[in-house]
Amino acid sequence: MDEISVKIAAKVNLGLDILKKRKDNYHNIQTIMHSIDIHDKLVFKKSHKLNITSNNKDVPLGEDNIVYQCIKKIAKVSGNENNLLDVTIDKFIPISAGLGGGSANGAATLIAYNELYNLGLTKDELCDIATKVGADIPFLIHSGCAFCEGIGEKIRKLYPIIDMNMVLCKPDFGVSTAKAYDLIDRYGVKEKPDFDILLHGLLEKDKEKLNKGLINVFEPYVLKKYPKIKEIKDKFISYNAKGVQMSGSGPSVFALFTSKDDAKKAYNEMKKEYSQVYITKLIDEKKALEIK
């Protein structure tokens, strides 16, 4: 096999807590991450020259790209640093959105390299390599739904896949993850998520429990600096969303609906003002990660 394609999904953080900062400058976290039905597609070819192209002009094509970094890391582990990849990235996951788009591309890269060069590495072994590049990559190697701890590399699979409609809106600006963490370090966490309530709320489609459980500790700081994100949240609530939250360090906001009609109405109304609005849903690992 000389070529492989990987279709890989974005993620949202259904609950996110930041714990103490570590000596390596990472932060320990607790989060429930869930794949959603928005995918990037990447095509990988064996090559002795590392080359990246993309349909999106905002995707970096050199050393700043997580794909580039993952190829370098796994090639070194393989014992033959001349075994590289030619990569084409068809980008559909919004960039700098808190949806793990770059990390998803990194996960796809490690999976593809492992297959193309017959390394025989397990998912856990791929995750060990991934943590040296990015904290979200291990979850995206597994995909689906999981409770994640450490810097994100300690993964406990969960299976609360539910039939709820989701509408996601990404405003036309990004949020610096590093600056968001700096605010947490400076001012601390105001309110912590209750993951038990969150899981029960998801399974029971209980609006009250969802609203208690859907807590992202970045929100108080990010929403204060970017009032447009709070405006998006408030609009989703007015359209009868059962739960609304910012994903990751933002700025994307997702809203959960039990009614398809409510979701469609929210989508249509939000599209009048924002260019990046999506009707999507929570998906399991089989639909999140497709390899051909």
Protein backbone atom coordinates (compact mmCIF):
# COMPACT_ATOMS: atom_id res chain seq x y z
CA MET A 1 0.00 0.00 0.00
CA ASP A 2 1.43 3.37 -1.07
CA GLU A 3 -1.58 5.62 -0.44
CA ILE A 4 -4.26 5.94 2.23
CA SER A 5 -7.06 8.39 2.97
CA VAL A 6 -8.36 9.26 6.42
CA LYS A 7 -11.62 11.06 7.18
CA ILE A 8 -11.53 12.37 10.74
CA ALA A 9 -14.03 14.32 12.84
CA ALA A 10 -13.85 17.45 14.95
CA LYS A 11 -14.56 17.38 18.69
CA VAL A 12 -16.36 19.48 21.25
CA ASN A 13 -15.70 19.72 24.97
CA LEU A 14 -18.95 18.93 26.76
CA GLY A 15 -17.40 19.81 30.11
CA LEU A 16 -13.93 21.26 30.75
CA ASP A 17 -12.05 21.83 33.98
CA ILE A 18 -8.48 23.14 34.26
CA LEU A 19 -6.44 21.88 37.20
CA LYS A 20 -2.94 22.91 38.26
CA LYS A 21 -0.11 23.90 35.94
CA ARG A 22 2.63 21.31 35.60
CA LYS A 23 6.41 21.70 35.64
CA ASP A 24 6.45 21.08 31.87
CA ASN A 25 4.12 24.12 31.44
CA TYR A 26 1.17 21.96 30.41
CA HIS A 27 -1.95 22.00 32.55
CA ASN A 28 -3.71 18.98 34.01
CA ILE A 29 -7.31 18.94 32.86
CA GLN A 30 -10.52 17.00 33.17
CA THR A 31 -12.87 17.02 30.21
CA ILE A 32 -15.50 15.04 28.38
CA MET A 33 -14.77 15.25 24.67
CA HIS A 34 -17.14 14.05 21.97
CA SER A 35 -16.73 13.69 18.21
CA ILE A 36 -19.15 15.64 16.01
CA ASP A 37 -20.20 15.19 12.41
CA ILE A 38 -17.80 17.71 10.82
CA HIS A 39 -14.80 16.09 9.13
CA ASP A 40 -11.50 16.85 7.45
CA LYS A 41 -10.26 14.45 4.77
CA LEU A 42 -6.55 13.79 4.34
CA VAL A 43 -4.78 11.78 1.65
CA PHE A 44 -1.33 10.37 2.45
CA LYS A 45 1.25 9.00 0.04
CA LYS A 46 4.60 7.41 0.81
CA SER A 47 7.42 9.80 -0.02
CA HIS A 48 11.05 10.56 0.76
CA LYS A 49 10.16 14.25 0.82
CA LEU A 50 7.77 15.79 3.33
CA ASN A 51 5.16 17.82 1.46
CA ILE A 52 1.83 19.30 2.59
CA THR A 53 -0.87 20.92 0.47
CA SER A 54 -4.37 22.10 1.41
CA ASN A 55 -7.56 23.50 -0.05
CA ASN A 56 -7.49 26.18 2.69
CA LYS A 57 -4.99 29.03 2.29
CA ASP A 58 -4.91 29.58 6.08
CA VAL A 59 -3.46 26.13 6.78
CA PRO A 60 0.32 26.39 7.43
CA LEU A 61 2.30 24.08 5.18
CA GLY A 62 5.63 23.98 7.00
CA GLU A 63 6.99 23.26 10.46
CA ASP A 64 4.10 25.08 12.16
CA ASN A 65 1.66 22.42 10.93
CA ILE A 66 0.87 19.63 13.39
CA VAL A 67 0.90 17.19 10.46
CA TYR A 68 4.52 18.13 9.74
CA GLN A 69 5.47 17.70 13.41
CA CYS A 70 3.73 14.33 13.70
CA ILE A 71 5.48 12.99 10.59
CA LYS A 72 8.85 14.01 11.99
CA LYS A 73 8.13 12.42 15.38
CA ILE A 74 6.85 9.08 14.10
CA ALA A 75 9.52 8.85 11.38
CA LYS A 76 12.14 9.12 14.11
CA VAL A 77 10.40 6.44 16.17
CA SER A 78 10.24 4.19 13.09
CA GLY A 79 14.01 4.20 12.81
CA ASN A 80 14.04 5.53 9.26
CA GLU A 81 13.72 9.30 9.09
CA ASN A 82 13.70 9.17 5.28
CA ASN A 83 10.28 7.50 5.32
CA LEU A 84 8.09 10.57 4.98
CA LEU A 85 4.69 11.48 3.55
CA ASP A 86 3.11 13.62 0.86
CA VAL A 87 -0.11 14.96 2.42
CA THR A 88 -3.19 16.65 0.98
CA ILE A 89 -5.56 18.22 3.52
CA ASP A 90 -9.14 18.94 2.53
CA LYS A 91 -10.16 21.25 5.35
CA PHE A 92 -13.79 21.48 6.49
CA ILE A 93 -13.32 21.79 10.26
CA PRO A 94 -13.10 25.51 11.10
CA ILE A 95 -9.60 26.73 11.96
CA SER A 96 -8.70 28.20 15.39
CA ALA A 97 -12.15 27.27 16.61
CA GLY A 98 -11.72 25.12 19.73
CA LEU A 99 -12.82 22.06 17.72
CA GLY A 100 -9.52 20.20 17.50
CA GLY A 101 -9.11 20.55 13.75
CA GLY A 102 -5.33 20.69 13.79
CA SER A 103 -5.13 17.90 16.34
CA ALA A 104 -7.46 15.78 14.22
CA ASN A 105 -5.08 16.19 11.29
CA GLY A 106 -2.22 15.13 13.54
CA ALA A 107 -4.12 12.05 14.70
CA ALA A 108 -4.92 11.11 11.09
CA THR A 109 -1.23 11.49 10.21
CA LEU A 110 0.00 9.13 12.92
CA ILE A 111 -2.65 6.56 12.02
CA ALA A 112 -1.83 6.76 8.30
CA TYR A 113 1.95 6.59 8.80
CA ASN A 114 1.54 3.55 11.03
CA GLU A 115 -0.50 1.82 8.30
CA LEU A 116 1.58 2.83 5.28
CA TYR A 117 4.91 1.87 6.80
CA ASN A 118 3.58 -1.23 8.63
CA LEU A 119 4.88 -0.19 12.04
CA GLY A 120 2.29 -2.25 13.91
CA LEU A 121 1.92 0.32 16.70
CA THR A 122 -1.14 0.14 18.96
CA LYS A 123 -3.41 3.13 19.54
CA ASP A 124 -1.83 3.59 22.97
CA GLU A 125 1.65 3.60 21.42
CA LEU A 126 0.50 6.18 18.85
CA CYS A 127 -0.90 8.25 21.73
CA ASP A 128 2.51 8.20 23.44
CA ILE A 129 3.99 9.80 20.32
CA ALA A 130 1.04 12.19 20.03
CA THR A 131 1.50 13.69 23.50
CA LYS A 132 4.87 15.04 22.40
CA VAL A 133 3.08 17.15 19.77
CA GLY A 134 -0.37 18.11 21.07
CA ALA A 135 -2.61 17.39 24.06
CA ASP A 136 -5.84 16.75 22.10
CA ILE A 137 -4.32 14.31 19.60
CA PRO A 138 -4.63 11.18 21.81
CA PHE A 139 -8.40 11.60 22.14
CA LEU A 140 -8.75 12.10 18.39
CA ILE A 141 -6.80 8.91 17.72
CA HIS A 142 -9.54 7.12 19.71
CA SER A 143 -12.43 9.50 18.85
CA GLY A 144 -16.04 8.89 19.89
CA CYS A 145 -16.64 10.01 23.46
CA ALA A 146 -14.25 9.89 26.41
CA PHE A 147 -13.45 11.31 29.81
CA CYS A 148 -9.90 12.66 29.51
CA GLU A 149 -7.43 13.55 32.26
CA GLY A 150 -3.75 14.43 32.64
CA ILE A 151 -2.99 16.78 29.76
CA GLY A 152 -5.63 14.89 27.78
CA GLU A 153 -3.69 11.66 27.28
CA LYS A 154 -5.45 9.62 30.00
CA ILE A 155 -8.55 8.43 28.19
CA ARG A 156 -11.56 6.56 29.55
CA LYS A 157 -14.01 5.70 26.80
CA LEU A 158 -17.66 6.60 27.35
CA TYR A 159 -20.71 5.60 25.35
CA PRO A 160 -23.45 8.18 25.92
CA ILE A 161 -24.15 8.61 22.20
CA ILE A 162 -27.55 10.28 22.06
CA ASP A 163 -29.92 11.43 19.37
CA MET A 164 -29.74 15.18 19.91
CA ASN A 165 -29.42 17.76 17.19
CA MET A 166 -26.53 20.20 17.38
CA VAL A 167 -26.01 23.59 15.80
CA LEU A 168 -22.52 25.05 15.95
CA CYS A 169 -21.45 28.62 15.28
CA LYS A 170 -17.89 29.90 14.92
CA PRO A 171 -17.51 33.71 14.83
CA ASP A 172 -14.99 35.19 12.42
CA PHE A 173 -12.13 35.50 14.90
CA GLY A 174 -9.90 33.16 16.86
CA VAL A 175 -8.98 32.94 20.55
CA SER A 176 -5.43 32.33 21.77
CA THR A 177 -5.37 29.14 23.83
CA ALA A 178 -2.17 30.26 25.55
CA LYS A 179 -3.76 33.55 26.64
CA ALA A 180 -6.86 31.72 27.87
CA TYR A 181 -4.66 29.50 30.05
CA ASP A 182 -2.80 32.58 31.31
CA LEU A 183 -6.09 34.01 32.57
CA ILE A 184 -6.86 30.76 34.41
CA ASP A 185 -3.39 30.85 36.00
CA ARG A 186 -3.86 34.45 37.04
CA TYR A 187 -7.44 34.41 38.33
CA GLY A 188 -8.28 30.76 38.96
CA VAL A 189 -11.39 28.72 38.19
CA LYS A 190 -14.74 30.28 39.12
CA GLU A 191 -17.09 27.29 38.75
CA LYS A 192 -16.25 23.65 38.17
CA PRO A 193 -18.23 21.21 36.01
CA ASP A 194 -20.13 18.31 37.54
CA PHE A 195 -19.38 15.47 35.14
CA ASP A 196 -21.92 13.09 36.71
CA ILE A 197 -24.73 15.59 36.19
CA LEU A 198 -23.49 16.27 32.66
CA LEU A 199 -23.57 12.58 31.71
CA HIS A 200 -27.04 12.12 33.19
CA GLY A 201 -28.23 15.24 31.40
CA LEU A 202 -26.97 13.94 28.07
CA LEU A 203 -28.50 10.50 28.50
CA GLU A 204 -31.80 11.82 29.80
CA LYS A 205 -31.92 14.88 27.51
CA ASP A 206 -32.59 16.85 30.68
CA LYS A 207 -32.26 20.59 30.12
CA GLU A 208 -31.76 21.41 33.79
CA LYS A 209 -28.99 18.84 34.22
CA LEU A 210 -27.34 19.85 30.96
CA ASN A 211 -27.27 23.47 32.01
CA LYS A 212 -25.65 22.48 35.30
CA GLY A 213 -23.18 20.09 33.69
CA LEU A 214 -22.20 22.02 30.57
CA ILE A 215 -19.48 24.10 32.20
CA ASN A 216 -16.32 25.27 30.47
CA VAL A 217 -14.02 27.03 32.94
CA PHE A 218 -12.57 29.22 30.18
CA GLU A 219 -15.94 30.86 29.54
CA PRO A 220 -16.02 33.57 32.26
CA TYR A 221 -12.77 35.05 30.93
CA VAL A 222 -13.17 34.48 27.21
CA LEU A 223 -16.77 35.75 27.11
CA LYS A 224 -15.76 38.90 28.98
CA LYS A 225 -13.06 39.66 26.44
CA TYR A 226 -15.17 38.60 23.45
CA PRO A 227 -18.80 39.66 24.10
CA LYS A 228 -19.77 38.36 20.64
CA ILE A 229 -19.44 34.80 22.02
CA LYS A 230 -21.93 35.58 24.81
CA GLU A 231 -24.24 37.10 22.21
CA ILE A 232 -24.14 33.82 20.25
CA LYS A 233 -24.89 31.83 23.40
CA ASP A 234 -27.84 34.06 24.27
CA LYS A 235 -29.27 33.74 20.76
CA PHE A 236 -29.10 29.94 20.88
CA ILE A 237 -30.88 29.96 24.24
CA SER A 238 -33.64 32.13 22.75
CA TYR A 239 -34.12 29.48 20.04
CA ASN A 240 -34.98 26.86 22.71
CA ALA A 241 -31.63 25.08 22.93
CA LYS A 242 -31.47 22.50 25.72
CA GLY A 243 -27.83 23.28 26.45
CA VAL A 244 -25.31 25.81 25.09
CA GLN A 245 -21.55 26.01 25.58
CA MET A 246 -18.28 27.24 24.14
CA SER A 247 -15.91 24.46 23.06
CA GLY A 248 -12.29 24.41 24.23
CA SER A 249 -10.76 27.87 24.53
CA GLY A 250 -13.26 29.10 21.93
CA PRO A 251 -14.60 30.83 20.09
CA SER A 252 -17.00 28.17 18.69
CA VAL A 253 -20.31 27.74 20.49
CA PHE A 254 -22.51 24.65 20.20
CA ALA A 255 -26.17 24.28 21.08
CA LEU A 256 -28.05 21.01 21.71
CA PHE A 257 -31.68 20.61 20.62
CA THR A 258 -34.18 17.78 21.02
CA SER A 259 -36.32 19.20 18.21
CA LYS A 260 -35.10 19.10 14.60
CA ASP A 261 -37.38 22.01 13.81
CA ASP A 262 -35.83 24.13 16.58
CA ALA A 263 -32.35 23.21 15.37
CA LYS A 264 -33.19 24.10 11.78
CA LYS A 265 -34.74 27.40 12.83
CA ALA A 266 -31.66 28.27 14.91
CA TYR A 267 -29.39 27.35 12.01
CA ASN A 268 -31.35 29.49 9.54
CA GLU A 269 -31.42 32.48 11.88
CA MET A 270 -27.73 32.26 12.78
CA LYS A 271 -26.75 31.95 9.09
CA LYS A 272 -28.19 35.41 8.53
CA GLU A 273 -25.40 36.88 10.63
CA TYR A 274 -22.53 34.35 10.72
CA SER A 275 -20.78 32.62 7.83
CA GLN A 276 -19.60 29.54 9.77
CA VAL A 277 -22.73 27.85 11.09
CA TYR A 278 -23.27 24.07 10.96
CA ILE A 279 -26.04 21.59 11.67
CA THR A 280 -24.29 18.57 13.11
CA LYS A 281 -24.62 15.84 15.76
CA LEU A 282 -22.68 13.76 18.25
CA ILE A 283 -21.18 10.65 16.63
CA ASP A 284 -19.39 7.47 17.72
CA GLU A 285 -15.84 6.45 16.82
CA LYS A 286 -16.90 4.41 13.79
CA LYS A 287 -18.40 7.48 12.14
CA ALA A 288 -15.69 9.80 13.48
CA LEU A 289 -12.76 7.98 11.91
CA GLU A 290 -12.84 6.34 8.48
CA ILE A 291 -9.73 4.87 6.87
CA LYS A 292 -9.56 3.79 3.21
